[in-house]
């Protein structure tokens, strides 16, 4: 019989896997675009590649933040809450600046 703790852990792994999959998929798409445009000297294509990769990175980071929040629900001691706060702060700052750069490039 599956316990609630195990079910939540499976959900955390699934959400983390989705975040990893989103980032890897975005990386593959940008590498594909890079290889097809390797000999093209188009500055707009480089900007679009950066925007595409940045968008995938921001989305992947959001999945990781969600997984960390769900994980902390299962073991809410002060050490884990402090680590979660630090991780969320770091990932939020990364997401914020990636978002700014994406807006700036648009």
Protein backbone atom coordinates (compact mmCIF):
# COMPACT_ATOMS: atom_id res chain seq x y z
CA UNK A 1 0.00 0.00 0.00
CA UNK A 2 1.30 3.41 -0.94
CA UNK A 3 1.48 5.99 1.82
CA UNK A 4 0.82 9.67 1.46
CA UNK A 5 4.53 10.38 2.05
CA UNK A 6 5.54 8.07 -0.82
CA UNK A 7 2.86 9.52 -3.11
CA UNK A 8 4.12 13.04 -2.46
CA UNK A 9 7.69 11.91 -3.11
CA UNK A 10 6.59 10.45 -6.46
CA UNK A 11 4.89 13.73 -7.29
CA UNK A 12 8.08 15.62 -6.39
CA UNK A 13 10.13 13.34 -8.63
CA UNK A 14 7.63 13.75 -11.47
CA UNK A 15 7.61 17.55 -11.23
CA UNK A 16 11.42 17.64 -11.00
CA UNK A 17 11.65 15.36 -14.02
CA UNK A 18 9.33 17.70 -15.94
CA UNK A 19 11.58 20.64 -15.09
CA UNK A 20 14.65 18.72 -16.24
CA UNK A 21 12.84 17.58 -19.39
CA UNK A 22 11.77 21.14 -20.25
CA UNK A 23 15.32 22.46 -19.90
CA UNK A 24 16.86 19.59 -21.86
CA UNK A 25 14.21 19.90 -24.59
CA UNK A 26 14.90 23.63 -24.87
CA UNK A 27 18.62 22.97 -25.05
CA UNK A 28 18.12 20.42 -27.82
CA UNK A 29 15.89 22.82 -29.78
CA UNK A 30 18.44 25.62 -29.51
CA UNK A 31 21.34 23.33 -30.44
CA UNK A 32 19.33 22.19 -33.48
CA UNK A 33 18.67 25.82 -34.46
CA UNK A 34 22.33 26.64 -33.90
CA UNK A 35 23.55 23.78 -36.07
CA UNK A 36 21.12 24.61 -38.89
CA UNK A 37 22.06 28.29 -38.74
CA UNK A 38 25.77 27.70 -38.19
CA UNK A 39 26.79 29.17 -41.50
CA UNK A 40 24.16 31.90 -41.57
CA UNK A 41 25.35 35.28 -40.38
CA UNK A 42 22.03 36.48 -39.03
CA UNK A 43 22.18 38.37 -35.71
CA UNK A 44 18.39 38.05 -35.35
CA UNK A 45 18.62 34.26 -35.30
CA UNK A 46 21.11 34.41 -32.43
CA UNK A 47 18.76 36.69 -30.50
CA UNK A 48 15.84 34.31 -31.12
CA UNK A 49 17.93 31.36 -29.94
CA UNK A 50 18.81 33.18 -26.71
CA UNK A 51 15.17 34.06 -26.16
CA UNK A 52 14.05 30.51 -26.80
CA UNK A 53 16.64 29.03 -24.44
CA UNK A 54 15.90 31.65 -21.79
CA UNK A 55 12.20 30.86 -21.96
CA UNK A 56 12.82 27.16 -21.49
CA UNK A 57 15.20 27.85 -18.59
CA UNK A 58 12.66 30.04 -16.80
CA UNK A 59 9.93 27.43 -17.25
CA UNK A 60 12.21 24.64 -16.02
CA UNK A 61 13.20 26.68 -12.97
CA UNK A 62 9.53 27.19 -12.13
CA UNK A 63 9.01 23.42 -12.16
CA UNK A 64 11.99 22.97 -9.82
CA UNK A 65 10.62 25.61 -7.43
CA UNK A 66 7.26 23.83 -7.39
CA UNK A 67 8.97 20.51 -6.63
CA UNK A 68 10.91 22.08 -3.74
CA UNK A 69 7.73 23.55 -2.27
CA UNK A 70 5.94 20.20 -2.50
CA UNK A 71 8.94 18.40 -0.96
CA UNK A 72 8.98 20.77 2.01
CA UNK A 73 5.33 19.99 2.74
CA UNK A 74 6.33 16.44 3.69
CA UNK A 75 9.07 17.42 6.16
CA UNK A 76 8.53 20.92 7.50
CA UNK A 77 11.38 21.35 9.97
CA UNK A 78 13.19 24.68 10.24
CA UNK A 79 16.34 23.48 8.50
CA UNK A 80 14.39 22.34 5.41
CA UNK A 81 12.28 25.49 5.43
CA UNK A 82 15.43 27.64 5.55
CA UNK A 83 17.02 25.67 2.73
CA UNK A 84 13.80 25.96 0.71
CA UNK A 85 13.74 29.71 1.26
CA UNK A 86 17.34 30.03 0.06
CA UNK A 87 16.71 27.82 -2.98
CA UNK A 88 13.52 29.66 -3.90
CA UNK A 89 15.24 33.03 -3.46
CA UNK A 90 18.13 32.00 -5.71
CA UNK A 91 15.89 30.49 -8.38
CA UNK A 92 13.51 33.44 -8.23
CA UNK A 93 16.39 35.87 -8.74
CA UNK A 94 17.61 33.78 -11.67
CA UNK A 95 14.12 33.66 -13.16
CA UNK A 96 13.68 37.40 -12.67
CA UNK A 97 16.91 38.34 -14.41
CA UNK A 98 16.34 35.82 -17.20
CA UNK A 99 12.90 37.36 -17.69
CA UNK A 100 14.38 40.86 -17.77
CA UNK A 101 16.89 39.81 -20.36
CA UNK A 102 14.18 38.19 -22.46
CA UNK A 103 12.07 41.37 -22.33
CA UNK A 104 15.11 43.46 -23.16
CA UNK A 105 15.87 41.35 -26.21
CA UNK A 106 12.29 41.44 -27.53
